[in-house]
Structures are given as structure tokens and as C-alpha cells.
Amino acid sequence: MPLTLAEVGEENIIKKIGGMQEVKAHLENLGFVVGGAVTVVSAIGGNVIVNVKDSRIAVSREMAQKIMV
């Protein structure tokens, strides 16, 4: 399921990252890697704030839909 559907406060494991190569590289630089843990802190209108690798990052709805957990 995409990250936009993940429950707030629940830790998920990233299974796949979709999109073009530039998008994948950008997300990887932010810490979103396959097999990594990600926790949704809050979700507002599809945009999400997540904890990944001890950092809090805001991700747009479009980007969050490319991250499968």
C-alpha cells in the first residue's frame, strides 16, 4: 500500500519506491530506502510528516504515493 494509507504512529517497512530515476534518487537521499523503517507522524490532506532514520520529513501526497510500505 502507498505511504498515504499508512496509519499514524505505526512503523512500516518500505517495500518499493516507484517513479522516475530522479525521484527515486531524491527520496533515497532523504533516507527512504527499501527495507528501511518509516513512521507516519501526521497526515493532512494526503501530505504526510514521517520519521525516517531519526529525522522528521514532510512529504507531498504525490511523493508519498510513490513509496510503498
PDB file of N, CA and C in Angstrom:
ATOM      1  N   MET A   1       0.840  -1.181   0.000  1.00  0.00           N
ATOM      2  CA  MET A   1       0.000   0.000   0.000  1.00  0.00           C
ATOM      3  C   MET A   1       0.884   1.243   0.000  1.00  0.00           C
ATOM      4  N   PRO A   2       0.395   2.338  -0.553  1.00  0.00           N
ATOM      5  CA  PRO A   2       1.200   3.569  -0.542  1.00  0.00           C
ATOM      6  C   PRO A   2       1.284   4.172   0.860  1.00  0.00           C
ATOM      7  N   LEU A   3       2.300   4.943   1.083  1.00  0.00           N
ATOM      8  CA  LEU A   3       2.524   5.584   2.389  1.00  0.00           C
ATOM      9  C   LEU A   3       1.348   6.462   2.810  1.00  0.00           C
ATOM     10  N   THR A   4       0.602   6.994   1.843  1.00  0.00           N
ATOM     11  CA  THR A   4      -0.545   7.864   2.161  1.00  0.00           C
ATOM     12  C   THR A   4      -1.628   7.112   2.926  1.00  0.00           C
ATOM     13  N   LEU A   5      -1.674   5.778   2.835  1.00  0.00           N
ATOM     14  CA  LEU A   5      -2.695   4.983   3.519  1.00  0.00           C
ATOM     15  C   LEU A   5      -2.217   4.398   4.846  1.00  0.00           C
ATOM     16  N   ALA A   6      -0.967   4.634   5.201  1.00  0.00           N
ATOM     17  CA  ALA A   6      -0.421   4.093   6.452  1.00  0.00           C
ATOM     18  C   ALA A   6      -1.059   4.790   7.650  1.00  0.00           C
ATOM     19  N   GLU A   7      -1.210   4.045   8.731  1.00  0.00           N
ATOM     20  CA  GLU A   7      -1.782   4.582   9.963  1.00  0.00           C
ATOM     21  C   GLU A   7      -0.774   5.481  10.679  1.00  0.00           C
ATOM     22  N   VAL A   8      -1.279   6.555  11.276  1.00  0.00           N
ATOM     23  CA  VAL A   8      -0.427   7.460  12.052  1.00  0.00           C
ATOM     24  C   VAL A   8       0.107   6.720  13.276  1.00  0.00           C
ATOM     25  N   GLY A   9       1.407   6.826  13.513  1.00  0.00           N
ATOM     26  CA  GLY A   9       2.036   6.207  14.674  1.00  0.00           C
ATOM     27  C   GLY A   9       2.495   4.778  14.462  1.00  0.00           C
ATOM     28  N   GLU A  10       2.136   4.184  13.346  1.00  0.00           N
ATOM     29  CA  GLU A  10       2.508   2.796  13.064  1.00  0.00           C
ATOM     30  C   GLU A  10       3.798   2.749  12.257  1.00  0.00           C
ATOM     31  N   GLU A  11       4.758   1.922  12.689  1.00  0.00           N
ATOM     32  CA  GLU A  11       6.013   1.795  11.947  1.00  0.00           C
ATOM     33  C   GLU A  11       5.813   0.839  10.779  1.00  0.00           C
ATOM     34  N   ASN A  12       6.270   1.236   9.609  1.00  0.00           N
ATOM     35  CA  ASN A  12       6.154   0.423   8.403  1.00  0.00           C
ATOM     36  C   ASN A  12       7.524   0.236   7.787  1.00  0.00           C
ATOM     37  N   ILE A  13       7.672  -0.824   7.014  1.00  0.00           N
ATOM     38  CA  ILE A  13       8.908  -1.101   6.287  1.00  0.00           C
ATOM     39  C   ILE A  13       8.681  -0.759   4.820  1.00  0.00           C
ATOM     40  N   ILE A  14       9.610  -0.014   4.229  1.00  0.00           N
ATOM     41  CA  ILE A  14       9.491   0.382   2.822  1.00  0.00           C
ATOM     42  C   ILE A  14       9.756  -0.839   1.952  1.00  0.00           C
ATOM     43  N   LYS A  15       8.781  -1.161   1.094  1.00  0.00           N
ATOM     44  CA  LYS A  15       8.889  -2.333   0.212  1.00  0.00           C
ATOM     45  C   LYS A  15       9.389  -1.954  -1.178  1.00  0.00           C
ATOM     46  N   LYS A  16       8.970  -0.775  -1.669  1.00  0.00           N
ATOM     47  CA  LYS A  16       9.298  -0.385  -3.039  1.00  0.00           C
ATOM     48  C   LYS A  16       9.163   1.125  -3.165  1.00  0.00           C
ATOM     49  N   ILE A  17       9.993   1.706  -4.024  1.00  0.00           N
ATOM     50  CA  ILE A  17       9.895   3.128  -4.334  1.00  0.00           C
ATOM     51  C   ILE A  17       9.718   3.252  -5.837  1.00  0.00           C
ATOM     52  N   GLY A  18       8.610   3.857  -6.248  1.00  0.00           N
ATOM     53  CA  GLY A  18       8.300   3.998  -7.666  1.00  0.00           C
ATOM     54  C   GLY A  18       8.712   5.359  -8.192  1.00  0.00           C
ATOM     55  N   GLY A  19       8.372   5.603  -9.442  1.00  0.00           N
ATOM     56  CA  GLY A  19       8.660   6.894 -10.060  1.00  0.00           C
ATOM     57  C   GLY A  19       9.895   6.855 -10.935  1.00  0.00           C
ATOM     58  N   MET A  20      10.210   8.023 -11.481  1.00  0.00           N
ATOM     59  CA  MET A  20      11.375   8.135 -12.358  1.00  0.00           C
ATOM     60  C   MET A  20      12.656   8.064 -11.531  1.00  0.00           C
ATOM     61  N   GLN A  21      13.779   7.831 -12.199  1.00  0.00           N
ATOM     62  CA  GLN A  21      15.056   7.652 -11.505  1.00  0.00           C
ATOM     63  C   GLN A  21      15.426   8.862 -10.648  1.00  0.00           C
ATOM     64  N   GLU A  22      15.125  10.078 -11.141  1.00  0.00           N
ATOM     65  CA  GLU A  22      15.452  11.284 -10.355  1.00  0.00           C
ATOM     66  C   GLU A  22      14.659  11.312  -9.056  1.00  0.00           C
ATOM     67  N   VAL A  23      13.391  10.892  -9.109  1.00  0.00           N
ATOM     68  CA  VAL A  23      12.541  10.860  -7.910  1.00  0.00           C
ATOM     69  C   VAL A  23      13.086   9.833  -6.926  1.00  0.00           C
ATOM     70  N   LYS A  24      13.429   8.658  -7.422  1.00  0.00           N
ATOM     71  CA  LYS A  24      13.976   7.608  -6.561  1.00  0.00           C
ATOM     72  C   LYS A  24      15.265   8.075  -5.882  1.00  0.00           C
ATOM     73  N   ALA A  25      16.136   8.725  -6.643  1.00  0.00           N
ATOM     74  CA  ALA A  25      17.406   9.211  -6.093  1.00  0.00           C
ATOM     75  C   ALA A  25      17.161  10.277  -5.028  1.00  0.00           C
ATOM     76  N   HIS A  26      16.208  11.170  -5.283  1.00  0.00           N
ATOM     77  CA  HIS A  26      15.886  12.228  -4.314  1.00  0.00           C
ATOM     78  C   HIS A  26      15.371  11.621  -3.010  1.00  0.00           C
ATOM     79  N   LEU A  27      14.443  10.669  -3.114  1.00  0.00           N
ATOM     80  CA  LEU A  27      13.902  10.028  -1.911  1.00  0.00           C
ATOM     81  C   LEU A  27      14.976   9.243  -1.175  1.00  0.00           C
ATOM     82  N   GLU A  28      15.866   8.599  -1.921  1.00  0.00           N
ATOM     83  CA  GLU A  28      16.955   7.853  -1.298  1.00  0.00           C
ATOM     84  C   GLU A  28      17.874   8.794  -0.518  1.00  0.00           C
ATOM     85  N   ASN A  29      18.133   9.965  -1.078  1.00  0.00           N
ATOM     86  CA  ASN A  29      18.969  10.955  -0.391  1.00  0.00           C
ATOM     87  C   ASN A  29      18.326  11.444   0.899  1.00  0.00           C
ATOM     88  N   LEU A  30      16.995  11.442   0.934  1.00  0.00           N
ATOM     89  CA  LEU A  30      16.274  11.850   2.144  1.00  0.00           C
ATOM     90  C   LEU A  30      16.235  10.737   3.191  1.00  0.00           C
ATOM     91  N   GLY A  31      16.600   9.507   2.802  1.00  0.00           N
ATOM     92  CA  GLY A  31      16.621   8.391   3.742  1.00  0.00           C
ATOM     93  C   GLY A  31      15.578   7.327   3.473  1.00  0.00           C
ATOM     94  N   PHE A  32      14.789   7.488   2.420  1.00  0.00           N
ATOM     95  CA  PHE A  32      13.783   6.489   2.071  1.00  0.00           C
ATOM     96  C   PHE A  32      14.433   5.401   1.228  1.00  0.00           C
ATOM     97  N   VAL A  33      14.809   4.285   1.863  1.00  0.00           N
ATOM     98  CA  VAL A  33      15.439   3.177   1.158  1.00  0.00           C
ATOM     99  C   VAL A  33      14.626   1.905   1.395  1.00  0.00           C
ATOM    100  N   VAL A  34      14.630   1.027   0.404  1.00  0.00           N
ATOM    101  CA  VAL A  34      13.895  -0.234   0.518  1.00  0.00           C
ATOM    102  C   VAL A  34      14.443  -1.019   1.711  1.00  0.00           C
ATOM    103  N   GLY A  35      13.536  -1.480   2.565  1.00  0.00           N
ATOM    104  CA  GLY A  35      13.927  -2.202   3.770  1.00  0.00           C
ATOM    105  C   GLY A  35      14.041  -1.310   4.988  1.00  0.00           C
ATOM    106  N   GLY A  36      13.990   0.002   4.778  1.00  0.00           N
ATOM    107  CA  GLY A  36      14.091   0.949   5.882  1.00  0.00           C
ATOM    108  C   GLY A  36      12.751   1.147   6.577  1.00  0.00           C
ATOM    109  N   ALA A  37      12.805   1.558   7.834  1.00  0.00           N
ATOM    110  CA  ALA A  37      11.593   1.799   8.613  1.00  0.00           C
ATOM    111  C   ALA A  37      11.148   3.242   8.448  1.00  0.00           C
ATOM    112  N   VAL A  38       9.825   3.433   8.386  1.00  0.00           N
ATOM    113  CA  VAL A  38       9.249   4.767   8.284  1.00  0.00           C
ATOM    114  C   VAL A  38       7.977   4.798   9.138  1.00  0.00           C
ATOM    115  N   THR A  39       7.814   5.884   9.901  1.00  0.00           N
ATOM    116  CA  THR A  39       6.646   6.040  10.759  1.00  0.00           C
ATOM    117  C   THR A  39       5.942   7.338  10.408  1.00  0.00           C
ATOM    118  N   VAL A  40       4.647   7.270  10.145  1.00  0.00           N
ATOM    119  CA  VAL A  40       3.860   8.471   9.843  1.00  0.00           C
ATOM    120  C   VAL A  40       3.565   9.192  11.156  1.00  0.00           C
ATOM    121  N   VAL A  41       3.956  10.465  11.236  1.00  0.00           N
ATOM    122  CA  VAL A  41       3.717  11.279  12.430  1.00  0.00           C
ATOM    123  C   VAL A  41       2.362  11.964  12.319  1.00  0.00           C
ATOM    124  N   SER A  42       2.068  12.542  11.147  1.00  0.00           N
ATOM    125  CA  SER A  42       0.758  13.145  10.912  1.00  0.00           C
ATOM    126  C   SER A  42       0.472  13.172   9.423  1.00  0.00           C
ATOM    127  N   ALA A  43      -0.819  13.249   9.105  1.00  0.00           N
ATOM    128  CA  ALA A  43      -1.251  13.291   7.705  1.00  0.00           C
ATOM    129  C   ALA A  43      -2.336  14.353   7.571  1.00  0.00           C
ATOM    130  N   ILE A  44      -2.116  15.309   6.673  1.00  0.00           N
ATOM    131  CA  ILE A  44      -3.077  16.385   6.444  1.00  0.00           C
ATOM    132  C   ILE A  44      -3.319  16.497   4.948  1.00  0.00           C
ATOM    133  N   GLY A  45      -4.518  16.171   4.506  1.00  0.00           N
ATOM    134  CA  GLY A  45      -4.865  16.285   3.096  1.00  0.00           C
ATOM    135  C   GLY A  45      -4.012  15.451   2.169  1.00  0.00           C
ATOM    136  N   GLY A  46      -3.538  14.300   2.646  1.00  0.00           N
ATOM    137  CA  GLY A  46      -2.693  13.442   1.814  1.00  0.00           C
ATOM    138  C   GLY A  46      -1.213  13.720   1.983  1.00  0.00           C
ATOM    139  N   ASN A  47      -0.847  14.931   2.406  1.00  0.00           N
ATOM    140  CA  ASN A  47       0.551  15.239   2.701  1.00  0.00           C
ATOM    141  C   ASN A  47       0.882  14.607   4.051  1.00  0.00           C
ATOM    142  N   VAL A  48       2.086  14.065   4.177  1.00  0.00           N
ATOM    143  CA  VAL A  48       2.438  13.364   5.411  1.00  0.00           C
ATOM    144  C   VAL A  48       3.751  13.881   5.987  1.00  0.00           C
ATOM    145  N   ILE A  49       3.834  13.801   7.304  1.00  0.00           N
ATOM    146  CA  ILE A  49       5.082  14.059   8.010  1.00  0.00           C
ATOM    147  C   ILE A  49       5.506  12.717   8.585  1.00  0.00           C
ATOM    148  N   VAL A  50       6.748  12.315   8.290  1.00  0.00           N
ATOM    149  CA  VAL A  50       7.216  10.995   8.699  1.00  0.00           C
ATOM    150  C   VAL A  50       8.524  11.084   9.464  1.00  0.00           C
ATOM    151  N   ASN A  51       8.769  10.074  10.274  1.00  0.00           N
ATOM    152  CA  ASN A  51      10.075   9.876  10.894  1.00  0.00           C
ATOM    153  C   ASN A  51      10.776   8.802  10.095  1.00  0.00           C
ATOM    154  N   VAL A  52      11.944   9.140   9.576  1.00  0.00           N
ATOM    155  CA  VAL A  52      12.758   8.166   8.853  1.00  0.00           C
ATOM    156  C   VAL A  52      14.214   8.422   9.224  1.00  0.00           C
ATOM    157  N   LYS A  53      14.890   7.360   9.701  1.00  0.00           N
ATOM    158  CA  LYS A  53      16.292   7.461  10.122  1.00  0.00           C
ATOM    159  C   LYS A  53      16.514   8.618  11.098  1.00  0.00           C
ATOM    160  N   ASP A  54      15.712   8.676  12.140  1.00  0.00           N
ATOM    161  CA  ASP A  54      15.833   9.686  13.200  1.00  0.00           C
ATOM    162  C   ASP A  54      15.661  11.115  12.707  1.00  0.00           C
ATOM    163  N   SER A  55      15.014  11.302  11.575  1.00  0.00           N
ATOM    164  CA  SER A  55      14.729  12.643  11.053  1.00  0.00           C
ATOM    165  C   SER A  55      13.241  12.757  10.768  1.00  0.00           C
ATOM    166  N   ARG A  56      12.718  13.960  10.921  1.00  0.00           N
ATOM    167  CA  ARG A  56      11.314  14.215  10.612  1.00  0.00           C
ATOM    168  C   ARG A  56      11.261  14.937   9.266  1.00  0.00           C
ATOM    169  N   ILE A  57      10.521  14.368   8.314  1.00  0.00           N
ATOM    170  CA  ILE A  57      10.488  14.889   6.949  1.00  0.00           C
ATOM    171  C   ILE A  57       9.043  15.026   6.489  1.00  0.00           C
ATOM    172  N   ALA A  58       8.731  16.146   5.845  1.00  0.00           N
ATOM    173  CA  ALA A  58       7.410  16.344   5.239  1.00  0.00           C
ATOM    174  C   ALA A  58       7.482  15.883   3.786  1.00  0.00           C
ATOM    175  N   VAL A  59       6.484  15.114   3.384  1.00  0.00           N
ATOM    176  CA  VAL A  59       6.437  14.562   2.029  1.00  0.00           C
ATOM    177  C   VAL A  59       5.088  14.887   1.415  1.00  0.00           C
ATOM    178  N   SER A  60       5.105  15.379   0.176  1.00  0.00           N
ATOM    179  CA  SER A  60       3.850  15.700  -0.506  1.00  0.00           C
ATOM    180  C   SER A  60       3.065  14.432  -0.816  1.00  0.00           C
ATOM    181  N   ARG A  61       1.790  14.606  -1.097  1.00  0.00           N
ATOM    182  CA  ARG A  61       0.927  13.476  -1.440  1.00  0.00           C
ATOM    183  C   ARG A  61       1.472  12.703  -2.642  1.00  0.00           C
ATOM    184  N   GLU A  62       1.938  13.429  -3.671  1.00  0.00           N
ATOM    185  CA  GLU A  62       2.452  12.784  -4.881  1.00  0.00           C
ATOM    186  C   GLU A  62       3.666  11.907  -4.568  1.00  0.00           C
ATOM    187  N   MET A  63       4.586  12.428  -3.750  1.00  0.00           N
ATOM    188  CA  MET A  63       5.780  11.659  -3.391  1.00  0.00           C
ATOM    189  C   MET A  63       5.391  10.473  -2.508  1.00  0.00           C
ATOM    190  N   ALA A  64       4.492  10.700  -1.549  1.00  0.00           N
ATOM    191  CA  ALA A  64       4.098   9.634  -0.615  1.00  0.00           C
ATOM    192  C   ALA A  64       3.435   8.473  -1.347  1.00  0.00           C
ATOM    193  N   GLN A  65       2.738   8.746  -2.440  1.00  0.00           N
ATOM    194  CA  GLN A  65       2.083   7.675  -3.188  1.00  0.00           C
ATOM    195  C   GLN A  65       3.095   6.825  -3.953  1.00  0.00           C
ATOM    196  N   LYS A  66       4.304   7.295  -4.139  1.00  0.00           N
ATOM    197  CA  LYS A  66       5.340   6.530  -4.821  1.00  0.00           C
ATOM    198  C   LYS A  66       6.093   5.594  -3.858  1.00  0.00           C
ATOM    199  N   ILE A  67       5.876   5.793  -2.544  1.00  0.00           N
ATOM    200  CA  ILE A  67       6.557   4.992  -1.527  1.00  0.00           C
ATOM    201  C   ILE A  67       5.592   3.901  -1.055  1.00  0.00           C
ATOM    202  N   MET A  68       5.925   2.649  -1.355  1.00  0.00           N
ATOM    203  CA  MET A  68       5.075   1.518  -0.980  1.00  0.00           C
ATOM    204  C   MET A  68       5.606   0.876   0.311  1.00  0.00           C
ATOM    205  N   VAL A  69       4.682   0.655   1.249  1.00  0.00           N
ATOM    206  CA  VAL A  69       5.046   0.035   2.521  1.00  0.00           C
ATOM    207  C   VAL A  69       4.279  -1.261   2.719  1.00  0.00           C
TER     208      VAL A  69
END
